[in-house]
Amino acid sequence: GAVSSALPPARLRCHLAAAVGSRAGPAMPHFQAWEEFTRA
């Protein structure tokens, strides 16, 4: 905790975002075609 709190706020946010982003969650396909998205 001492190491994390020594980080500047911007770097801390990036560090936390990277840690949270590594969780397994639902896959998020980005659709390029509107019709495909609406059907799905």
PDB file of all heavy atoms in Angstrom:
ATOM      1  N   GLY A   1       0.819  -1.203   0.000  1.00  0.00           N
ATOM      2  CA  GLY A   1       0.000   0.000   0.000  1.00  0.00           C
ATOM      3  C   GLY A   1       0.851   1.248   0.000  1.00  0.00           C
ATOM      4  O   GLY A   1       0.509   2.252  -0.597  1.00  0.00           O
ATOM      5  N   ALA A   2       2.015   1.206   0.675  1.00  0.00           N
ATOM      6  CA  ALA A   2       2.895   2.367   0.729  1.00  0.00           C
ATOM      7  C   ALA A   2       3.461   2.673  -0.650  1.00  0.00           C
ATOM      8  O   ALA A   2       3.607   3.828  -1.023  1.00  0.00           O
ATOM      9  CB  ALA A   2       4.027   2.130   1.726  1.00  0.00           C
ATOM     10  N   VAL A   3       3.758   1.654  -1.417  1.00  0.00           N
ATOM     11  CA  VAL A   3       4.295   1.864  -2.757  1.00  0.00           C
ATOM     12  C   VAL A   3       3.228   2.467  -3.657  1.00  0.00           C
ATOM     13  O   VAL A   3       3.486   3.403  -4.387  1.00  0.00           O
ATOM     14  CB  VAL A   3       4.826   0.534  -3.351  1.00  0.00           C
ATOM     15  CG1 VAL A   3       5.229   0.709  -4.793  1.00  0.00           C
ATOM     16  CG2 VAL A   3       5.992   0.021  -2.525  1.00  0.00           C
ATOM     17  N   SER A   4       1.993   1.942  -3.591  1.00  0.00           N
ATOM     18  CA  SER A   4       0.910   2.438  -4.427  1.00  0.00           C
ATOM     19  C   SER A   4       0.548   3.868  -4.081  1.00  0.00           C
ATOM     20  O   SER A   4       0.268   4.670  -4.946  1.00  0.00           O
ATOM     21  CB  SER A   4      -0.328   1.554  -4.277  1.00  0.00           C
ATOM     22  OG  SER A   4      -0.060   0.278  -4.773  1.00  0.00           O
ATOM     23  N   SER A   5       0.556   4.218  -2.786  1.00  0.00           N
ATOM     24  CA  SER A   5       0.174   5.567  -2.399  1.00  0.00           C
ATOM     25  C   SER A   5       1.248   6.579  -2.770  1.00  0.00           C
ATOM     26  O   SER A   5       0.983   7.766  -2.817  1.00  0.00           O
ATOM     27  CB  SER A   5      -0.125   5.626  -0.899  1.00  0.00           C
ATOM     28  OG  SER A   5       1.048   5.313  -0.168  1.00  0.00           O
ATOM     29  N   ALA A   6       2.478   6.125  -3.038  1.00  0.00           N
ATOM     30  CA  ALA A   6       3.550   7.028  -3.431  1.00  0.00           C
ATOM     31  C   ALA A   6       3.459   7.415  -4.903  1.00  0.00           C
ATOM     32  O   ALA A   6       4.113   8.345  -5.339  1.00  0.00           O
ATOM     33  CB  ALA A   6       4.904   6.380  -3.153  1.00  0.00           C
ATOM     34  N   LEU A   7       2.626   6.718  -5.660  1.00  0.00           N
ATOM     35  CA  LEU A   7       2.480   7.040  -7.077  1.00  0.00           C
ATOM     36  C   LEU A   7       1.706   8.343  -7.248  1.00  0.00           C
ATOM     37  O   LEU A   7       0.800   8.637  -6.473  1.00  0.00           O
ATOM     38  CB  LEU A   7       1.718   5.928  -7.795  1.00  0.00           C
ATOM     39  CG  LEU A   7       2.409   4.585  -7.934  1.00  0.00           C
ATOM     40  CD1 LEU A   7       1.436   3.578  -8.508  1.00  0.00           C
ATOM     41  CD2 LEU A   7       3.636   4.688  -8.800  1.00  0.00           C
ATOM     42  N   PRO A   8       2.044   9.139  -8.252  1.00  0.00           N
ATOM     43  CA  PRO A   8       1.232  10.316  -8.553  1.00  0.00           C
ATOM     44  C   PRO A   8      -0.176   9.892  -8.936  1.00  0.00           C
ATOM     45  O   PRO A   8      -0.389   8.779  -9.414  1.00  0.00           O
ATOM     46  CB  PRO A   8       1.948  10.950  -9.760  1.00  0.00           C
ATOM     47  CG  PRO A   8       3.289  10.336  -9.798  1.00  0.00           C
ATOM     48  CD  PRO A   8       3.195   9.012  -9.112  1.00  0.00           C
ATOM     49  N   PRO A   9      -1.177  10.745  -8.744  1.00  0.00           N
ATOM     50  CA  PRO A   9      -2.567  10.359  -8.988  1.00  0.00           C
ATOM     51  C   PRO A   9      -2.828   9.801 -10.385  1.00  0.00           C
ATOM     52  O   PRO A   9      -3.529   8.818 -10.520  1.00  0.00           O
ATOM     53  CB  PRO A   9      -3.342  11.653  -8.768  1.00  0.00           C
ATOM     54  CG  PRO A   9      -2.481  12.461  -7.874  1.00  0.00           C
ATOM     55  CD  PRO A   9      -1.077  12.083  -8.193  1.00  0.00           C
ATOM     56  N   ALA A  10      -2.272  10.396 -11.431  1.00  0.00           N
ATOM     57  CA  ALA A  10      -2.520   9.910 -12.791  1.00  0.00           C
ATOM     58  C   ALA A  10      -1.962   8.503 -12.976  1.00  0.00           C
ATOM     59  O   ALA A  10      -2.607   7.637 -13.559  1.00  0.00           O
ATOM     60  CB  ALA A  10      -1.918  10.859 -13.821  1.00  0.00           C
ATOM     61  N   ARG A  11      -0.762   8.275 -12.476  1.00  0.00           N
ATOM     62  CA  ARG A  11      -0.167   6.947 -12.599  1.00  0.00           C
ATOM     63  C   ARG A  11      -0.905   5.945 -11.740  1.00  0.00           C
ATOM     64  O   ARG A  11      -1.037   4.783 -12.103  1.00  0.00           O
ATOM     65  CB  ARG A  11       1.309   6.985 -12.226  1.00  0.00           C
ATOM     66  CG  ARG A  11       2.145   7.698 -13.274  1.00  0.00           C
ATOM     67  CD  ARG A  11       3.602   7.611 -13.005  1.00  0.00           C
ATOM     68  NE  ARG A  11       4.046   6.224 -13.084  1.00  0.00           N
ATOM     69  CZ  ARG A  11       5.182   5.798 -12.574  1.00  0.00           C
ATOM     70  NH1 ARG A  11       5.980   6.614 -11.940  1.00  0.00           N
ATOM     71  NH2 ARG A  11       5.519   4.541 -12.681  1.00  0.00           N
ATOM     72  N   LEU A  12      -1.419   6.393 -10.605  1.00  0.00           N
ATOM     73  CA  LEU A  12      -2.178   5.508  -9.739  1.00  0.00           C
ATOM     74  C   LEU A  12      -3.460   5.064 -10.438  1.00  0.00           C
ATOM     75  O   LEU A  12      -3.816   3.901 -10.413  1.00  0.00           O
ATOM     76  CB  LEU A  12      -2.515   6.211  -8.417  1.00  0.00           C
ATOM     77  CG  LEU A  12      -3.337   5.415  -7.415  1.00  0.00           C
ATOM     78  CD1 LEU A  12      -2.586   4.150  -7.004  1.00  0.00           C
ATOM     79  CD2 LEU A  12      -3.636   6.259  -6.194  1.00  0.00           C
ATOM     80  N   ARG A  13      -4.136   6.001 -11.109  1.00  0.00           N
ATOM     81  CA  ARG A  13      -5.351   5.653 -11.838  1.00  0.00           C
ATOM     82  C   ARG A  13      -5.051   4.647 -12.941  1.00  0.00           C
ATOM     83  O   ARG A  13      -5.790   3.693 -13.129  1.00  0.00           O
ATOM     84  CB  ARG A  13      -6.011   6.902 -12.419  1.00  0.00           C
ATOM     85  CG  ARG A  13      -6.758   7.716 -11.390  1.00  0.00           C
ATOM     86  CD  ARG A  13      -7.622   8.751 -12.063  1.00  0.00           C
ATOM     87  NE  ARG A  13      -6.896   9.685 -12.888  1.00  0.00           N
ATOM     88  CZ  ARG A  13      -6.400  10.844 -12.450  1.00  0.00           C
ATOM     89  NH1 ARG A  13      -6.553  11.210 -11.205  1.00  0.00           N
ATOM     90  NH2 ARG A  13      -5.759  11.639 -13.276  1.00  0.00           N
ATOM     91  N   CYS A  14      -3.968   4.846 -13.670  1.00  0.00           N
ATOM     92  CA  CYS A  14      -3.596   3.902 -14.735  1.00  0.00           C
ATOM     93  C   CYS A  14      -3.272   2.538 -14.143  1.00  0.00           C
ATOM     94  O   CYS A  14      -3.649   1.504 -14.690  1.00  0.00           O
ATOM     95  CB  CYS A  14      -2.396   4.422 -15.520  1.00  0.00           C
ATOM     96  SG  CYS A  14      -2.778   5.863 -16.514  1.00  0.00           S
ATOM     97  N   HIS A  15      -2.577   2.559 -13.005  1.00  0.00           N
ATOM     98  CA  HIS A  15      -2.212   1.313 -12.336  1.00  0.00           C
ATOM     99  C   HIS A  15      -3.461   0.561 -11.886  1.00  0.00           C
ATOM    100  O   HIS A  15      -3.588  -0.642 -12.092  1.00  0.00           O
ATOM    101  CB  HIS A  15      -1.307   1.637 -11.144  1.00  0.00           C
ATOM    102  CG  HIS A  15      -0.905   0.440 -10.341  1.00  0.00           C
ATOM    103  ND1 HIS A  15      -0.035  -0.505 -10.820  1.00  0.00           N
ATOM    104  CD2 HIS A  15      -1.267   0.033  -9.099  1.00  0.00           C
ATOM    105  CE1 HIS A  15       0.129  -1.439  -9.906  1.00  0.00           C
ATOM    106  NE2 HIS A  15      -0.608  -1.138  -8.849  1.00  0.00           N
ATOM    107  N   LEU A  16      -4.416   1.275 -11.301  1.00  0.00           N
ATOM    108  CA  LEU A  16      -5.656   0.649 -10.850  1.00  0.00           C
ATOM    109  C   LEU A  16      -6.488   0.168 -12.031  1.00  0.00           C
ATOM    110  O   LEU A  16      -7.079  -0.903 -11.980  1.00  0.00           O
ATOM    111  CB  LEU A  16      -6.470   1.620  -9.994  1.00  0.00           C
ATOM    112  CG  LEU A  16      -5.867   1.943  -8.633  1.00  0.00           C
ATOM    113  CD1 LEU A  16      -6.690   3.026  -7.950  1.00  0.00           C
ATOM    114  CD2 LEU A  16      -5.761   0.715  -7.768  1.00  0.00           C
ATOM    115  N   ALA A  17      -6.536   0.948 -13.097  1.00  0.00           N
ATOM    116  CA  ALA A  17      -7.306   0.550 -14.277  1.00  0.00           C
ATOM    117  C   ALA A  17      -6.730  -0.726 -14.886  1.00  0.00           C
ATOM    118  O   ALA A  17      -7.470  -1.601 -15.326  1.00  0.00           O
ATOM    119  CB  ALA A  17      -7.318   1.669 -15.314  1.00  0.00           C
ATOM    120  N   ALA A  18      -5.420  -0.840 -14.895  1.00  0.00           N
ATOM    121  CA  ALA A  18      -4.785  -2.040 -15.435  1.00  0.00           C
ATOM    122  C   ALA A  18      -5.109  -3.249 -14.563  1.00  0.00           C
ATOM    123  O   ALA A  18      -5.365  -4.337 -15.061  1.00  0.00           O
ATOM    124  CB  ALA A  18      -3.278  -1.844 -15.539  1.00  0.00           C
ATOM    125  N   ALA A  19      -5.138  -3.053 -13.242  1.00  0.00           N
ATOM    126  CA  ALA A  19      -5.434  -4.150 -12.332  1.00  0.00           C
ATOM    127  C   ALA A  19      -6.890  -4.594 -12.469  1.00  0.00           C
ATOM    128  O   ALA A  19      -7.191  -5.772 -12.487  1.00  0.00           O
ATOM    129  CB  ALA A  19      -5.145  -3.736 -10.892  1.00  0.00           C
ATOM    130  N   VAL A  20      -7.799  -3.645 -12.591  1.00  0.00           N
ATOM    131  CA  VAL A  20      -9.209  -3.969 -12.736  1.00  0.00           C
ATOM    132  C   VAL A  20      -9.478  -4.570 -14.106  1.00  0.00           C
ATOM    133  O   VAL A  20     -10.257  -5.496 -14.244  1.00  0.00           O
ATOM    134  CB  VAL A  20     -10.086  -2.704 -12.515  1.00  0.00           C
ATOM    135  CG1 VAL A  20     -11.524  -2.968 -12.887  1.00  0.00           C
ATOM    136  CG2 VAL A  20      -9.968  -2.258 -11.078  1.00  0.00           C
ATOM    137  N   GLY A  21      -8.818  -4.076 -15.134  1.00  0.00           N
ATOM    138  CA  GLY A  21      -9.018  -4.568 -16.492  1.00  0.00           C
ATOM    139  C   GLY A  21      -8.569  -5.991 -16.691  1.00  0.00           C
ATOM    140  O   GLY A  21      -8.990  -6.657 -17.621  1.00  0.00           O
ATOM    141  N   SER A  22      -7.726  -6.498 -15.800  1.00  0.00           N
ATOM    142  CA  SER A  22      -7.238  -7.858 -15.962  1.00  0.00           C
ATOM    143  C   SER A  22      -8.235  -8.904 -15.469  1.00  0.00           C
ATOM    144  O   SER A  22      -8.028 -10.080 -15.662  1.00  0.00           O
ATOM    145  CB  SER A  22      -5.908  -8.022 -15.221  1.00  0.00           C
ATOM    146  OG  SER A  22      -6.099  -7.851 -13.828  1.00  0.00           O
ATOM    147  N   ARG A  23      -9.342  -8.455 -14.825  1.00  0.00           N
ATOM    148  CA  ARG A  23     -10.368  -9.394 -14.375  1.00  0.00           C
ATOM    149  C   ARG A  23     -11.046 -10.028 -15.577  1.00  0.00           C
ATOM    150  O   ARG A  23     -11.225  -9.406 -16.608  1.00  0.00           O
ATOM    151  CB  ARG A  23     -11.449  -8.673 -13.571  1.00  0.00           C
ATOM    152  CG  ARG A  23     -11.043  -8.268 -12.224  1.00  0.00           C
ATOM    153  CD  ARG A  23     -12.222  -7.819 -11.418  1.00  0.00           C
ATOM    154  NE  ARG A  23     -13.249  -7.177 -12.214  1.00  0.00           N
ATOM    155  CZ  ARG A  23     -13.983  -6.174 -11.806  1.00  0.00           C
ATOM    156  NH1 ARG A  23     -13.793  -5.678 -10.622  1.00  0.00           N
ATOM    157  NH2 ARG A  23     -14.913  -5.670 -12.568  1.00  0.00           N
ATOM    158  N   ALA A  24     -11.467 -11.247 -15.387  1.00  0.00           N
ATOM    159  CA  ALA A  24     -12.213 -11.914 -16.444  1.00  0.00           C
ATOM    160  C   ALA A  24     -13.653 -11.424 -16.393  1.00  0.00           C
ATOM    161  O   ALA A  24     -14.280 -11.441 -15.346  1.00  0.00           O
ATOM    162  CB  ALA A  24     -12.153 -13.427 -16.279  1.00  0.00           C
ATOM    163  N   GLY A  25     -14.171 -10.968 -17.497  1.00  0.00           N
ATOM    164  CA  GLY A  25     -15.535 -10.473 -17.553  1.00  0.00           C
ATOM    165  C   GLY A  25     -16.139 -10.864 -18.880  1.00  0.00           C
ATOM    166  O   GLY A  25     -15.542 -11.608 -19.659  1.00  0.00           O
ATOM    167  N   PRO A  26     -17.335 -10.358 -19.156  1.00  0.00           N
ATOM    168  CA  PRO A  26     -17.969 -10.710 -20.429  1.00  0.00           C
ATOM    169  C   PRO A  26     -17.173 -10.143 -21.604  1.00  0.00           C
ATOM    170  O   PRO A  26     -16.621  -9.057 -21.522  1.00  0.00           O
ATOM    171  CB  PRO A  26     -19.346 -10.071 -20.336  1.00  0.00           C
ATOM    172  CG  PRO A  26     -19.256  -9.063 -19.262  1.00  0.00           C
ATOM    173  CD  PRO A  26     -18.146  -9.472 -18.346  1.00  0.00           C
ATOM    174  N   ALA A  27     -17.105 -10.912 -22.668  1.00  0.00           N
ATOM    175  CA  ALA A  27     -16.423 -10.446 -23.864  1.00  0.00           C
ATOM    176  C   ALA A  27     -17.250  -9.330 -24.489  1.00  0.00           C
ATOM    177  O   ALA A  27     -18.471  -9.379 -24.487  1.00  0.00           O
ATOM    178  CB  ALA A  27     -16.267 -11.600 -24.852  1.00  0.00           C
ATOM    179  N   MET A  28     -16.591  -8.290 -24.996  1.00  0.00           N
ATOM    180  CA  MET A  28     -17.311  -7.161 -25.576  1.00  0.00           C
ATOM    181  C   MET A  28     -16.930  -6.989 -27.037  1.00  0.00           C
ATOM    182  O   MET A  28     -15.998  -6.261 -27.353  1.00  0.00           O
ATOM    183  CB  MET A  28     -17.000  -5.876 -24.800  1.00  0.00           C
ATOM    184  CG  MET A  28     -17.609  -5.859 -23.449  1.00  0.00           C
ATOM    185  SD  MET A  28     -17.922  -4.252 -22.742  1.00  0.00           S
ATOM    186  CE  MET A  28     -16.450  -3.341 -22.975  1.00  0.00           C
ATOM    187  N   PRO A  29     -17.648  -7.663 -27.924  1.00  0.00           N
ATOM    188  CA  PRO A  29     -17.358  -7.449 -29.344  1.00  0.00           C
ATOM    189  C   PRO A  29     -17.861  -6.079 -29.782  1.00  0.00           C
ATOM    190  O   PRO A  29     -18.976  -5.686 -29.456  1.00  0.00           O
ATOM    191  CB  PRO A  29     -18.118  -8.570 -30.041  1.00  0.00           C
ATOM    192  CG  PRO A  29     -19.219  -8.918 -29.114  1.00  0.00           C
ATOM    193  CD  PRO A  29     -18.691  -8.654 -27.732  1.00  0.00           C
ATOM    194  N   HIS A  30     -17.038  -5.341 -30.481  1.00  0.00           N
ATOM    195  CA  HIS A  30     -17.431  -4.052 -31.033  1.00  0.00           C
ATOM    196  C   HIS A  30     -17.939  -4.284 -32.448  1.00  0.00           C
ATOM    197  O   HIS A  30     -17.185  -4.711 -33.307  1.00  0.00           O
ATOM    198  CB  HIS A  30     -16.228  -3.094 -31.077  1.00  0.00           C
ATOM    199  CG  HIS A  30     -15.800  -2.626 -29.740  1.00  0.00           C
ATOM    200  ND1 HIS A  30     -15.141  -3.435 -28.853  1.00  0.00           N
ATOM    201  CD2 HIS A  30     -15.961  -1.430 -29.140  1.00  0.00           C
ATOM    202  CE1 HIS A  30     -14.889  -2.741 -27.760  1.00  0.00           C
ATOM    203  NE2 HIS A  30     -15.379  -1.540 -27.902  1.00  0.00           N
ATOM    204  N   PHE A  31     -19.212  -4.030 -32.653  1.00  0.00           N
ATOM    205  CA  PHE A  31     -19.806  -4.230 -33.967  1.00  0.00           C
ATOM    206  C   PHE A  31     -19.537  -3.022 -34.850  1.00  0.00           C
ATOM    207  O   PHE A  31     -19.660  -1.885 -34.405  1.00  0.00           O
ATOM    208  CB  PHE A  31     -21.322  -4.448 -33.845  1.00  0.00           C
ATOM    209  CG  PHE A  31     -21.682  -5.801 -33.330  1.00  0.00           C
ATOM    210  CD1 PHE A  31     -21.750  -6.051 -31.974  1.00  0.00           C
ATOM    211  CD2 PHE A  31     -21.950  -6.836 -34.202  1.00  0.00           C
ATOM    212  CE1 PHE A  31     -22.077  -7.303 -31.498  1.00  0.00           C
ATOM    213  CE2 PHE A  31     -22.281  -8.095 -33.736  1.00  0.00           C
ATOM    214  CZ  PHE A  31     -22.336  -8.327 -32.379  1.00  0.00           C
ATOM    215  N   GLN A  32     -19.173  -3.272 -36.086  1.00  0.00           N
ATOM    216  CA  GLN A  32     -18.964  -2.206 -37.056  1.00  0.00           C
ATOM    217  C   GLN A  32     -20.226  -1.957 -37.873  1.00  0.00           C
ATOM    218  O   GLN A  32     -20.491  -0.848 -38.277  1.00  0.00           O
ATOM    219  CB  GLN A  32     -17.802  -2.566 -38.002  1.00  0.00           C
ATOM    220  CG  GLN A  32     -16.487  -2.792 -37.286  1.00  0.00           C
ATOM    221  CD  GLN A  32     -15.974  -1.548 -36.594  1.00  0.00           C
ATOM    222  OE1 GLN A  32     -16.143  -0.445 -37.082  1.00  0.00           O
ATOM    223  NE2 GLN A  32     -15.367  -1.723 -35.434  1.00  0.00           N
ATOM    224  N   ALA A  33     -21.004  -3.005 -38.110  1.00  0.00           N
ATOM    225  CA  ALA A  33     -22.222  -2.898 -38.911  1.00  0.00           C
ATOM    226  C   ALA A  33     -23.437  -2.795 -37.993  1.00  0.00           C
ATOM    227  O   ALA A  33     -23.616  -3.621 -37.091  1.00  0.00           O
ATOM    228  CB  ALA A  33     -22.359  -4.105 -39.833  1.00  0.00           C
ATOM    229  N   TRP A  34     -24.271  -1.787 -38.232  1.00  0.00           N
ATOM    230  CA  TRP A  34     -25.444  -1.546 -37.409  1.00  0.00           C
ATOM    231  C   TRP A  34     -26.441  -2.707 -37.464  1.00  0.00           C
ATOM    232  O   TRP A  34     -26.993  -3.108 -36.452  1.00  0.00           O
ATOM    233  CB  TRP A  34     -26.099  -0.235 -37.842  1.00  0.00           C
ATOM    234  CG  TRP A  34     -27.377   0.026 -37.143  1.00  0.00           C
ATOM    235  CD1 TRP A  34     -28.629   0.024 -37.680  1.00  0.00           C
ATOM    236  CD2 TRP A  34     -27.556   0.310 -35.749  1.00  0.00           C
ATOM    237  NE1 TRP A  34     -29.568   0.284 -36.717  1.00  0.00           N
ATOM    238  CE2 TRP A  34     -28.929   0.466 -35.518  1.00  0.00           C
ATOM    239  CE3 TRP A  34     -26.686   0.427 -34.676  1.00  0.00           C
ATOM    240  CZ2 TRP A  34     -29.461   0.750 -34.263  1.00  0.00           C
ATOM    241  CZ3 TRP A  34     -27.213   0.710 -33.425  1.00  0.00           C
ATOM    242  CH2 TRP A  34     -28.573   0.868 -33.236  1.00  0.00           C
ATOM    243  N   GLU A  35     -26.660  -3.254 -38.654  1.00  0.00           N
ATOM    244  CA  GLU A  35     -27.625  -4.337 -38.813  1.00  0.00           C
ATOM    245  C   GLU A  35     -27.211  -5.569 -38.006  1.00  0.00           C
ATOM    246  O   GLU A  35     -28.052  -6.231 -37.398  1.00  0.00           O
ATOM    247  CB  GLU A  35     -27.803  -4.708 -40.293  1.00  0.00           C
ATOM    248  CG  GLU A  35     -28.477  -3.632 -41.120  1.00  0.00           C
ATOM    249  CD  GLU A  35     -27.515  -2.494 -41.493  1.00  0.00           C
ATOM    250  OE1 GLU A  35     -26.284  -2.690 -41.449  1.00  0.00           O
ATOM    251  OE2 GLU A  35     -28.020  -1.404 -41.796  1.00  0.00           O
ATOM    252  N   GLU A  36     -25.924  -5.890 -38.018  1.00  0.00           N
ATOM    253  CA  GLU A  36     -25.430  -7.034 -37.245  1.00  0.00           C
ATOM    254  C   GLU A  36     -25.659  -6.810 -35.757  1.00  0.00           C
ATOM    255  O   GLU A  36     -26.067  -7.722 -35.036  1.00  0.00           O
ATOM    256  CB  GLU A  36     -23.939  -7.254 -37.502  1.00  0.00           C
ATOM    257  CG  GLU A  36     -23.612  -7.795 -38.866  1.00  0.00           C
ATOM    258  CD  GLU A  36     -22.112  -7.942 -39.051  1.00  0.00           C
ATOM    259  OE1 GLU A  36     -21.382  -8.105 -38.041  1.00  0.00           O
ATOM    260  OE2 GLU A  36     -21.674  -7.887 -40.201  1.00  0.00           O
ATOM    261  N   PHE A  37     -25.380  -5.590 -35.312  1.00  0.00           N
ATOM    262  CA  PHE A  37     -25.564  -5.277 -33.893  1.00  0.00           C
ATOM    263  C   PHE A  37     -27.028  -5.420 -33.480  1.00  0.00           C
ATOM    264  O   PHE A  37     -27.334  -6.026 -32.452  1.00  0.00           O
ATOM    265  CB  PHE A  37     -25.073  -3.860 -33.580  1.00  0.00           C
ATOM    266  CG  PHE A  37     -25.411  -3.422 -32.180  1.00  0.00           C
ATOM    267  CD1 PHE A  37     -24.666  -3.871 -31.111  1.00  0.00           C
ATOM    268  CD2 PHE A  37     -26.484  -2.583 -31.941  1.00  0.00           C
ATOM    269  CE1 PHE A  37     -24.988  -3.493 -29.822  1.00  0.00           C
ATOM    270  CE2 PHE A  37     -26.814  -2.198 -30.658  1.00  0.00           C
ATOM    271  CZ  PHE A  37     -26.063  -2.656 -29.595  1.00  0.00           C
ATOM    272  N   THR A  38     -27.949  -4.879 -34.285  1.00  0.00           N
ATOM    273  CA  THR A  38     -29.363  -4.937 -33.914  1.00  0.00           C
ATOM    274  C   THR A  38     -29.875  -6.381 -33.883  1.00  0.00           C
ATOM    275  O   THR A  38     -30.622  -6.742 -32.977  1.00  0.00           O
ATOM    276  CB  THR A  38     -30.235  -4.088 -34.860  1.00  0.00           C
ATOM    277  OG1 THR A  38     -30.054  -4.516 -36.204  1.00  0.00           O
ATOM    278  CG2 THR A  38     -29.920  -2.617 -34.716  1.00  0.00           C
ATOM    279  N   ARG A  39     -29.448  -7.190 -34.864  1.00  0.00           N
ATOM    280  CA  ARG A  39     -29.865  -8.597 -34.865  1.00  0.00           C
ATOM    281  C   ARG A  39     -29.355  -9.322 -33.619  1.00  0.00           C
ATOM    282  O   ARG A  39     -30.093 -10.062 -32.959  1.00  0.00           O
ATOM    283  CB  ARG A  39     -29.372  -9.306 -36.124  1.00  0.00           C
ATOM    284  CG  ARG A  39     -30.258  -9.078 -37.329  1.00  0.00           C
ATOM    285  CD  ARG A  39     -29.909 -10.045 -38.442  1.00  0.00           C
ATOM    286  NE  ARG A  39     -28.525  -9.914 -38.884  1.00  0.00           N
ATOM    287  CZ  ARG A  39     -28.127  -9.163 -39.903  1.00  0.00           C
ATOM    288  NH1 ARG A  39     -29.008  -8.486 -40.604  1.00  0.00           N
ATOM    289  NH2 ARG A  39     -26.865  -9.100 -40.240  1.00  0.00           N
ATOM    290  N   ALA A  40     -28.080  -9.111 -33.299  1.00  0.00           N
ATOM    291  CA  ALA A  40     -27.487  -9.780 -32.136  1.00  0.00           C
ATOM    292  C   ALA A  40     -28.128  -9.299 -30.833  1.00  0.00           C
ATOM    293  O   ALA A  40     -28.391 -10.099 -29.931  1.00  0.00           O
ATOM    294  CB  ALA A  40     -25.979  -9.538 -32.110  1.00  0.00           C
TER     295      ALA A  40
END
